[in-house]
Amino acid sequence: IAAKSTHKSLFPPSTDPYAKALVRLQSDHISRTLVP
């Protein structure tokens, strides 16, 4: 929604897909390990 309206994002720029993938790894650890 924000990409089409406010043009804000919580992710690194789309020009850096590796950085975005590292953020996904962080998020995966949070959900699988830290929260439980």
PDB file of all heavy atoms in Angstrom:
ATOM      1  N   ILE A   1       0.837  -1.203   0.000  1.00  0.00           N
ATOM      2  CA  ILE A   1       0.000   0.000   0.000  1.00  0.00           C
ATOM      3  C   ILE A   1       0.872   1.252   0.000  1.00  0.00           C
ATOM      4  O   ILE A   1       0.653   2.202  -0.763  1.00  0.00           O
ATOM      5  CB  ILE A   1      -0.949   0.008   1.222  1.00  0.00           C
ATOM      6  CG1 ILE A   1      -1.984  -1.108   1.103  1.00  0.00           C
ATOM      7  CG2 ILE A   1      -1.627   1.364   1.370  1.00  0.00           C
ATOM      8  CD1 ILE A   1      -2.949  -0.955  -0.041  1.00  0.00           C
ATOM      9  N   ALA A   2       1.877   1.263   0.854  1.00  0.00           N
ATOM     10  CA  ALA A   2       2.746   2.428   0.966  1.00  0.00           C
ATOM     11  C   ALA A   2       3.534   2.673  -0.318  1.00  0.00           C
ATOM     12  O   ALA A   2       3.796   3.825  -0.693  1.00  0.00           O
ATOM     13  CB  ALA A   2       3.706   2.257   2.147  1.00  0.00           C
ATOM     14  N   ALA A   3       3.910   1.604  -1.000  1.00  0.00           N
ATOM     15  CA  ALA A   3       4.670   1.747  -2.242  1.00  0.00           C
ATOM     16  C   ALA A   3       3.900   2.555  -3.282  1.00  0.00           C
ATOM     17  O   ALA A   3       4.499   3.246  -4.120  1.00  0.00           O
ATOM     18  CB  ALA A   3       5.028   0.374  -2.796  1.00  0.00           C
ATOM     19  N   LYS A   4       2.575   2.491  -3.212  1.00  0.00           N
ATOM     20  CA  LYS A   4       1.734   3.187  -4.193  1.00  0.00           C
ATOM     21  C   LYS A   4       1.199   4.521  -3.666  1.00  0.00           C
ATOM     22  O   LYS A   4       0.596   5.272  -4.435  1.00  0.00           O
ATOM     23  CB  LYS A   4       0.549   2.294  -4.578  1.00  0.00           C
ATOM     24  CG  LYS A   4       0.942   0.984  -5.235  1.00  0.00           C
ATOM     25  CD  LYS A   4      -0.288   0.130  -5.522  1.00  0.00           C
ATOM     26  CE  LYS A   4       0.082  -1.194  -6.160  1.00  0.00           C
ATOM     27  NZ  LYS A   4      -1.110  -2.044  -6.415  1.00  0.00           N
ATOM     28  N   SER A   5       1.392   4.784  -2.386  1.00  0.00           N
ATOM     29  CA  SER A   5       0.781   5.986  -1.811  1.00  0.00           C
ATOM     30  C   SER A   5       1.817   6.898  -1.147  1.00  0.00           C
ATOM     31  O   SER A   5       2.138   7.959  -1.677  1.00  0.00           O
ATOM     32  CB  SER A   5      -0.316   5.592  -0.813  1.00  0.00           C
ATOM     33  OG  SER A   5       0.191   4.726   0.190  1.00  0.00           O
ATOM     34  N   THR A   6       2.342   6.485  -0.015  1.00  0.00           N
ATOM     35  CA  THR A   6       3.258   7.354   0.723  1.00  0.00           C
ATOM     36  C   THR A   6       4.705   7.223   0.264  1.00  0.00           C
ATOM     37  O   THR A   6       5.546   8.045   0.617  1.00  0.00           O
ATOM     38  CB  THR A   6       3.207   7.043   2.229  1.00  0.00           C
ATOM     39  OG1 THR A   6       3.690   5.717   2.470  1.00  0.00           O
ATOM     40  CG2 THR A   6       1.771   7.159   2.751  1.00  0.00           C
ATOM     41  N   HIS A   7       4.995   6.156  -0.487  1.00  0.00           N
ATOM     42  CA  HIS A   7       6.343   5.890  -1.027  1.00  0.00           C
ATOM     43  C   HIS A   7       7.382   5.739   0.081  1.00  0.00           C
ATOM     44  O   HIS A   7       8.547   6.096  -0.079  1.00  0.00           O
ATOM     45  CB  HIS A   7       6.751   6.992  -2.017  1.00  0.00           C
ATOM     46  CG  HIS A   7       5.749   7.206  -3.112  1.00  0.00           C
ATOM     47  ND1 HIS A   7       5.515   6.255  -4.088  1.00  0.00           N
ATOM     48  CD2 HIS A   7       4.902   8.240  -3.359  1.00  0.00           C
ATOM     49  CE1 HIS A   7       4.569   6.708  -4.908  1.00  0.00           C
ATOM     50  NE2 HIS A   7       4.176   7.893  -4.487  1.00  0.00           N
ATOM     51  N   LYS A   8       6.941   5.200   1.212  1.00  0.00           N
ATOM     52  CA  LYS A   8       7.863   4.866   2.283  1.00  0.00           C
ATOM     53  C   LYS A   8       7.985   3.353   2.353  1.00  0.00           C
ATOM     54  O   LYS A   8       7.097   2.624   1.923  1.00  0.00           O
ATOM     55  CB  LYS A   8       7.363   5.420   3.614  1.00  0.00           C
ATOM     56  CG  LYS A   8       7.253   6.942   3.654  1.00  0.00           C
ATOM     57  CD  LYS A   8       7.083   7.454   5.067  1.00  0.00           C
ATOM     58  CE  LYS A   8       8.358   7.325   5.865  1.00  0.00           C
ATOM     59  NZ  LYS A   8       8.289   7.976   7.198  1.00  0.00           N
ATOM     60  N   SER A   9       9.101   2.874   2.910  1.00  0.00           N
ATOM     61  CA  SER A   9       9.318   1.437   3.007  1.00  0.00           C
ATOM     62  C   SER A   9      10.176   1.124   4.219  1.00  0.00           C
ATOM     63  O   SER A   9      11.044   1.917   4.606  1.00  0.00           O
ATOM     64  CB  SER A   9      10.011   0.906   1.748  1.00  0.00           C
ATOM     65  OG  SER A   9      10.310  -0.475   1.890  1.00  0.00           O
ATOM     66  N   LEU A  10       9.920  -0.044   4.808  1.00  0.00           N
ATOM     67  CA  LEU A  10      10.728  -0.535   5.924  1.00  0.00           C
ATOM     68  C   LEU A  10      11.924  -1.349   5.441  1.00  0.00           C
ATOM     69  O   LEU A  10      12.763  -1.749   6.251  1.00  0.00           O
ATOM     70  CB  LEU A  10       9.866  -1.390   6.851  1.00  0.00           C
ATOM     71  CG  LEU A  10       8.806  -0.635   7.660  1.00  0.00           C
ATOM     72  CD1 LEU A  10       7.725  -1.593   8.149  1.00  0.00           C
ATOM     73  CD2 LEU A  10       9.441   0.094   8.837  1.00  0.00           C
ATOM     74  N   PHE A  11      11.993  -1.578   4.145  1.00  0.00           N
ATOM     75  CA  PHE A  11      13.062  -2.395   3.571  1.00  0.00           C
ATOM     76  C   PHE A  11      14.150  -1.536   2.948  1.00  0.00           C
ATOM     77  O   PHE A  11      13.918  -0.365   2.604  1.00  0.00           O
ATOM     78  CB  PHE A  11      12.497  -3.326   2.498  1.00  0.00           C
ATOM     79  CG  PHE A  11      11.802  -4.538   3.037  1.00  0.00           C
ATOM     80  CD1 PHE A  11      10.425  -4.658   2.964  1.00  0.00           C
ATOM     81  CD2 PHE A  11      12.521  -5.583   3.613  1.00  0.00           C
ATOM     82  CE1 PHE A  11       9.772  -5.771   3.446  1.00  0.00           C
ATOM     83  CE2 PHE A  11      11.886  -6.705   4.112  1.00  0.00           C
ATOM     84  CZ  PHE A  11      10.505  -6.801   4.022  1.00  0.00           C
ATOM     85  N   PRO A  12      15.343  -2.120   2.754  1.00  0.00           N
ATOM     86  CA  PRO A  12      16.378  -1.429   1.982  1.00  0.00           C
ATOM     87  C   PRO A  12      15.880  -1.177   0.558  1.00  0.00           C
ATOM     88  O   PRO A  12      14.900  -1.787   0.124  1.00  0.00           O
ATOM     89  CB  PRO A  12      17.555  -2.419   1.994  1.00  0.00           C
ATOM     90  CG  PRO A  12      17.298  -3.324   3.149  1.00  0.00           C
ATOM     91  CD  PRO A  12      15.815  -3.421   3.272  1.00  0.00           C
ATOM     92  N   PRO A  13      16.537  -0.314  -0.200  1.00  0.00           N
ATOM     93  CA  PRO A  13      16.103  -0.028  -1.569  1.00  0.00           C
ATOM     94  C   PRO A  13      16.023  -1.294  -2.418  1.00  0.00           C
ATOM     95  O   PRO A  13      16.813  -2.234  -2.244  1.00  0.00           O
ATOM     96  CB  PRO A  13      17.188   0.918  -2.096  1.00  0.00           C
ATOM     97  CG  PRO A  13      17.778   1.537  -0.864  1.00  0.00           C
ATOM     98  CD  PRO A  13      17.705   0.490   0.195  1.00  0.00           C
ATOM     99  N   SER A  14      15.075  -1.325  -3.339  1.00  0.00           N
ATOM    100  CA  SER A  14      14.900  -2.498  -4.206  1.00  0.00           C
ATOM    101  C   SER A  14      16.111  -2.738  -5.094  1.00  0.00           C
ATOM    102  O   SER A  14      16.257  -3.818  -5.666  1.00  0.00           O
ATOM    103  CB  SER A  14      13.648  -2.320  -5.066  1.00  0.00           C
ATOM    104  OG  SER A  14      13.748  -1.147  -5.853  1.00  0.00           O
ATOM    105  N   THR A  15      16.976  -1.743  -5.198  1.00  0.00           N
ATOM    106  CA  THR A  15      18.207  -1.902  -5.986  1.00  0.00           C
ATOM    107  C   THR A  15      19.227  -2.769  -5.271  1.00  0.00           C
ATOM    108  O   THR A  15      20.263  -3.100  -5.846  1.00  0.00           O
ATOM    109  CB  THR A  15      18.819  -0.522  -6.272  1.00  0.00           C
ATOM    110  OG1 THR A  15      18.967   0.200  -5.033  1.00  0.00           O
ATOM    111  CG2 THR A  15      17.919   0.285  -7.219  1.00  0.00           C
ATOM    112  N   ASP A  16      18.963  -3.126  -4.016  1.00  0.00           N
ATOM    113  CA  ASP A  16      19.889  -3.965  -3.245  1.00  0.00           C
ATOM    114  C   ASP A  16      19.138  -5.197  -2.726  1.00  0.00           C
ATOM    115  O   ASP A  16      18.812  -5.288  -1.540  1.00  0.00           O
ATOM    116  CB  ASP A  16      20.485  -3.175  -2.084  1.00  0.00           C
ATOM    117  CG  ASP A  16      21.692  -3.873  -1.460  1.00  0.00           C
ATOM    118  OD1 ASP A  16      21.898  -5.076  -1.750  1.00  0.00           O
ATOM    119  OD2 ASP A  16      22.422  -3.220  -0.687  1.00  0.00           O
ATOM    120  N   PRO A  17      18.865  -6.160  -3.609  1.00  0.00           N
ATOM    121  CA  PRO A  17      18.097  -7.337  -3.179  1.00  0.00           C
ATOM    122  C   PRO A  17      18.810  -8.174  -2.127  1.00  0.00           C
ATOM    123  O   PRO A  17      18.156  -8.845  -1.321  1.00  0.00           O
ATOM    124  CB  PRO A  17      17.904  -8.129  -4.479  1.00  0.00           C
ATOM    125  CG  PRO A  17      18.983  -7.641  -5.399  1.00  0.00           C
ATOM    126  CD  PRO A  17      19.214  -6.206  -5.040  1.00  0.00           C
ATOM    127  N   TYR A  18      20.142  -8.150  -2.105  1.00  0.00           N
ATOM    128  CA  TYR A  18      20.854  -8.925  -1.095  1.00  0.00           C
ATOM    129  C   TYR A  18      20.610  -8.345   0.300  1.00  0.00           C
ATOM    130  O   TYR A  18      20.400  -9.090   1.264  1.00  0.00           O
ATOM    131  CB  TYR A  18      22.354  -8.962  -1.393  1.00  0.00           C
ATOM    132  CG  TYR A  18      23.135  -9.804  -0.407  1.00  0.00           C
ATOM    133  CD1 TYR A  18      23.016 -11.195  -0.418  1.00  0.00           C
ATOM    134  CD2 TYR A  18      23.965  -9.220   0.555  1.00  0.00           C
ATOM    135  CE1 TYR A  18      23.715 -11.981   0.496  1.00  0.00           C
ATOM    136  CE2 TYR A  18      24.662  -9.996   1.465  1.00  0.00           C
ATOM    137  CZ  TYR A  18      24.533 -11.374   1.434  1.00  0.00           C
ATOM    138  OH  TYR A  18      25.221 -12.142   2.331  1.00  0.00           O
ATOM    139  N   ALA A  19      20.618  -7.015   0.404  1.00  0.00           N
ATOM    140  CA  ALA A  19      20.334  -6.388   1.697  1.00  0.00           C
ATOM    141  C   ALA A  19      18.933  -6.740   2.170  1.00  0.00           C
ATOM    142  O   ALA A  19      18.710  -7.024   3.356  1.00  0.00           O
ATOM    143  CB  ALA A  19      20.505  -4.867   1.591  1.00  0.00           C
ATOM    144  N   LYS A  20      17.984  -6.757   1.232  1.00  0.00           N
ATOM    145  CA  LYS A  20      16.610  -7.121   1.608  1.00  0.00           C
ATOM    146  C   LYS A  20      16.556  -8.568   2.081  1.00  0.00           C
ATOM    147  O   LYS A  20      15.846  -8.892   3.040  1.00  0.00           O
ATOM    148  CB  LYS A  20      15.669  -6.912   0.430  1.00  0.00           C
ATOM    149  CG  LYS A  20      14.213  -7.197   0.762  1.00  0.00           C
ATOM    150  CD  LYS A  20      13.292  -6.853  -0.401  1.00  0.00           C
ATOM    151  CE  LYS A  20      11.837  -7.098  -0.037  1.00  0.00           C
ATOM    152  NZ  LYS A  20      10.913  -6.734  -1.146  1.00  0.00           N
ATOM    153  N   ALA A  21      17.317  -9.440   1.433  1.00  0.00           N
ATOM    154  CA  ALA A  21      17.347 -10.846   1.835  1.00  0.00           C
ATOM    155  C   ALA A  21      17.929 -10.996   3.241  1.00  0.00           C
ATOM    156  O   ALA A  21      17.453 -11.827   4.030  1.00  0.00           O
ATOM    157  CB  ALA A  21      18.157 -11.664   0.834  1.00  0.00           C
ATOM    158  N   LEU A  22      18.934 -10.202   3.572  1.00  0.00           N
ATOM    159  CA  LEU A  22      19.496 -10.256   4.926  1.00  0.00           C
ATOM    160  C   LEU A  22      18.465  -9.824   5.969  1.00  0.00           C
ATOM    161  O   LEU A  22      18.395 -10.395   7.062  1.00  0.00           O
ATOM    162  CB  LEU A  22      20.736  -9.360   5.018  1.00  0.00           C
ATOM    163  CG  LEU A  22      21.975  -9.823   4.246  1.00  0.00           C
ATOM    164  CD1 LEU A  22      23.119  -8.839   4.452  1.00  0.00           C
ATOM    165  CD2 LEU A  22      22.401 -11.228   4.661  1.00  0.00           C
ATOM    166  N   VAL A  23      17.644  -8.840   5.619  1.00  0.00           N
ATOM    167  CA  VAL A  23      16.573  -8.412   6.524  1.00  0.00           C
ATOM    168  C   VAL A  23      15.568  -9.540   6.703  1.00  0.00           C
ATOM    169  O   VAL A  23      15.063  -9.774   7.808  1.00  0.00           O
ATOM    170  CB  VAL A  23      15.890  -7.141   5.986  1.00  0.00           C
ATOM    171  CG1 VAL A  23      14.631  -6.825   6.788  1.00  0.00           C
ATOM    172  CG2 VAL A  23      16.858  -5.963   6.032  1.00  0.00           C
ATOM    173  N   ARG A  24      15.273 -10.261   5.637  1.00  0.00           N
ATOM    174  CA  ARG A  24      14.349 -11.391   5.739  1.00  0.00           C
ATOM    175  C   ARG A  24      14.924 -12.474   6.645  1.00  0.00           C
ATOM    176  O   ARG A  24      14.184 -13.137   7.390  1.00  0.00           O
ATOM    177  CB  ARG A  24      14.071 -11.961   4.348  1.00  0.00           C
ATOM    178  CG  ARG A  24      13.180 -11.089   3.477  1.00  0.00           C
ATOM    179  CD  ARG A  24      11.770 -11.022   4.022  1.00  0.00           C
ATOM    180  NE  ARG A  24      10.827 -10.458   3.061  1.00  0.00           N
ATOM    181  CZ  ARG A  24       9.567 -10.167   3.343  1.00  0.00           C
ATOM    182  NH1 ARG A  24       9.090 -10.387   4.548  1.00  0.00           N
ATOM    183  NH2 ARG A  24       8.775  -9.661   2.419  1.00  0.00           N
ATOM    184  N   LEU A  25      16.231 -12.685   6.610  1.00  0.00           N
ATOM    185  CA  LEU A  25      16.864 -13.647   7.514  1.00  0.00           C
ATOM    186  C   LEU A  25      16.711 -13.200   8.971  1.00  0.00           C
ATOM    187  O   LEU A  25      16.445 -14.017   9.856  1.00  0.00           O
ATOM    188  CB  LEU A  25      18.347 -13.818   7.168  1.00  0.00           C
ATOM    189  CG  LEU A  25      18.687 -14.652   5.930  1.00  0.00           C
ATOM    190  CD1 LEU A  25      20.189 -14.636   5.688  1.00  0.00           C
ATOM    191  CD2 LEU A  25      18.199 -16.090   6.102  1.00  0.00           C
ATOM    192  N   GLN A  26      16.886 -11.917   9.203  1.00  0.00           N
ATOM    193  CA  GLN A  26      16.695 -11.388  10.546  1.00  0.00           C
ATOM    194  C   GLN A  26      15.256 -11.646  11.019  1.00  0.00           C
ATOM    195  O   GLN A  26      15.027 -12.113  12.140  1.00  0.00           O
ATOM    196  CB  GLN A  26      16.985  -9.887  10.558  1.00  0.00           C
ATOM    197  CG  GLN A  26      18.421  -9.521  10.219  1.00  0.00           C
ATOM    198  CD  GLN A  26      18.575  -8.058   9.824  1.00  0.00           C
ATOM    199  OE1 GLN A  26      17.616  -7.276   9.874  1.00  0.00           O
ATOM    200  NE2 GLN A  26      19.778  -7.672   9.423  1.00  0.00           N
ATOM    201  N   SER A  27      14.310 -11.348  10.143  1.00  0.00           N
ATOM    202  CA  SER A  27      12.898 -11.516  10.476  1.00  0.00           C
ATOM    203  C   SER A  27      12.547 -12.983  10.724  1.00  0.00           C
ATOM    204  O   SER A  27      11.773 -13.311  11.628  1.00  0.00           O
ATOM    205  CB  SER A  27      12.031 -10.949   9.350  1.00  0.00           C
ATOM    206  OG  SER A  27      10.663 -11.132   9.605  1.00  0.00           O
ATOM    207  N   ASP A  28      13.124 -13.858   9.926  1.00  0.00           N
ATOM    208  CA  ASP A  28      12.873 -15.288  10.086  1.00  0.00           C
ATOM    209  C   ASP A  28      13.356 -15.772  11.453  1.00  0.00           C
ATOM    210  O   ASP A  28      12.673 -16.543  12.139  1.00  0.00           O
ATOM    211  CB  ASP A  28      13.572 -16.061   8.970  1.00  0.00           C
ATOM    212  CG  ASP A  28      13.288 -17.548   9.033  1.00  0.00           C
ATOM    213  OD1 ASP A  28      12.169 -17.951   8.683  1.00  0.00           O
ATOM    214  OD2 ASP A  28      14.190 -18.317   9.435  1.00  0.00           O
ATOM    215  N   HIS A  29      14.526 -15.298  11.869  1.00  0.00           N
ATOM    216  CA  HIS A  29      15.050 -15.674  13.186  1.00  0.00           C
ATOM    217  C   HIS A  29      14.138 -15.171  14.299  1.00  0.00           C
ATOM    218  O   HIS A  29      13.880 -15.886  15.283  1.00  0.00           O
ATOM    219  CB  HIS A  29      16.465 -15.115  13.368  1.00  0.00           C
ATOM    220  CG  HIS A  29      16.980 -15.236  14.771  1.00  0.00           C
ATOM    221  ND1 HIS A  29      17.355 -16.446  15.319  1.00  0.00           N
ATOM    222  CD2 HIS A  29      17.144 -14.300  15.759  1.00  0.00           C
ATOM    223  CE1 HIS A  29      17.746 -16.255  16.571  1.00  0.00           C
ATOM    224  NE2 HIS A  29      17.624 -14.966  16.856  1.00  0.00           N
ATOM    225  N   ILE A  30      13.644 -13.972  14.147  1.00  0.00           N
ATOM    226  CA  ILE A  30      12.750 -13.396  15.155  1.00  0.00           C
ATOM    227  C   ILE A  30      11.506 -14.262  15.314  1.00  0.00           C
ATOM    228  O   ILE A  30      11.109 -14.615  16.428  1.00  0.00           O
ATOM    229  CB  ILE A  30      12.375 -11.950  14.781  1.00  0.00           C
ATOM    230  CG1 ILE A  30      13.610 -11.049  14.836  1.00  0.00           C
ATOM    231  CG2 ILE A  30      11.276 -11.422  15.711  1.00  0.00           C
ATOM    232  CD1 ILE A  30      13.454  -9.740  14.080  1.00  0.00           C
ATOM    233  N   SER A  31      10.894 -14.616  14.197  1.00  0.00           N
ATOM    234  CA  SER A  31       9.638 -15.364  14.246  1.00  0.00           C
ATOM    235  C   SER A  31       9.829 -16.808  14.692  1.00  0.00           C
ATOM    236  O   SER A  31       9.030 -17.340  15.466  1.00  0.00           O
ATOM    237  CB  SER A  31       8.960 -15.327  12.874  1.00  0.00           C
ATOM    238  OG  SER A  31       8.597 -14.000  12.527  1.00  0.00           O
ATOM    239  N   ARG A  32      10.874 -17.453  14.210  1.00  0.00           N
ATOM    240  CA  ARG A  32      11.088 -18.873  14.500  1.00  0.00           C
ATOM    241  C   ARG A  32      11.691 -19.122  15.881  1.00  0.00           C
ATOM    242  O   ARG A  32      11.398 -20.140  16.512  1.00  0.00           O
ATOM    243  CB  ARG A  32      12.024 -19.494  13.450  1.00  0.00           C
ATOM    244  CG  ARG A  32      11.437 -19.671  12.074  1.00  0.00           C
ATOM    245  CD  ARG A  32      12.495 -20.234  11.152  1.00  0.00           C
ATOM    246  NE  ARG A  32      12.049 -20.353   9.776  1.00  0.00           N
ATOM    247  CZ  ARG A  32      11.470 -21.436   9.272  1.00  0.00           C
ATOM    248  NH1 ARG A  32      11.297 -22.500  10.037  1.00  0.00           N
ATOM    249  NH2 ARG A  32      11.087 -21.462   8.003  1.00  0.00           N
ATOM    250  N   THR A  33      12.534 -18.207  16.328  1.00  0.00           N
ATOM    251  CA  THR A  33      13.344 -18.480  17.514  1.00  0.00           C
ATOM    252  C   THR A  33      13.094 -17.505  18.657  1.00  0.00           C
ATOM    253  O   THR A  33      12.785 -17.910  19.785  1.00  0.00           O
ATOM    254  CB  THR A  33      14.840 -18.463  17.140  1.00  0.00           C
ATOM    255  OG1 THR A  33      15.068 -19.400  16.066  1.00  0.00           O
ATOM    256  CG2 THR A  33      15.696 -18.841  18.331  1.00  0.00           C
ATOM    257  N   LEU A  34      13.225 -16.211  18.389  1.00  0.00           N
ATOM    258  CA  LEU A  34      13.198 -15.248  19.477  1.00  0.00           C
ATOM    259  C   LEU A  34      11.815 -15.135  20.126  1.00  0.00           C
ATOM    260  O   LEU A  34      11.700 -15.170  21.351  1.00  0.00           O
ATOM    261  CB  LEU A  34      13.675 -13.885  18.963  1.00  0.00           C
ATOM    262  CG  LEU A  34      13.926 -12.809  20.013  1.00  0.00           C
ATOM    263  CD1 LEU A  34      15.078 -11.895  19.583  1.00  0.00           C
ATOM    264  CD2 LEU A  34      12.681 -11.957  20.275  1.00  0.00           C
ATOM    265  N   VAL A  35      10.771 -15.008  19.326  1.00  0.00           N
ATOM    266  CA  VAL A  35       9.425 -14.836  19.899  1.00  0.00           C
ATOM    267  C   VAL A  35       8.987 -16.070  20.703  1.00  0.00           C
ATOM    268  O   VAL A  35       8.524 -15.932  21.845  1.00  0.00           O
ATOM    269  CB  VAL A  35       8.403 -14.472  18.803  1.00  0.00           C
ATOM    270  CG1 VAL A  35       6.978 -14.519  19.348  1.00  0.00           C
ATOM    271  CG2 VAL A  35       8.711 -13.082  18.241  1.00  0.00           C
ATOM    272  N   PRO A  36       9.116 -17.288  20.161  1.00  0.00           N
ATOM    273  CA  PRO A  36       8.761 -18.450  20.996  1.00  0.00           C
ATOM    274  C   PRO A  36       9.590 -18.548  22.274  1.00  0.00           C
ATOM    275  O   PRO A  36       9.070 -18.937  23.326  1.00  0.00           O
ATOM    276  CB  PRO A  36       9.021 -19.643  20.065  1.00  0.00           C
ATOM    277  CG  PRO A  36       8.908 -19.092  18.687  1.00  0.00           C
ATOM    278  CD  PRO A  36       9.459 -17.696  18.779  1.00  0.00           C
TER     279      PRO A  36
END
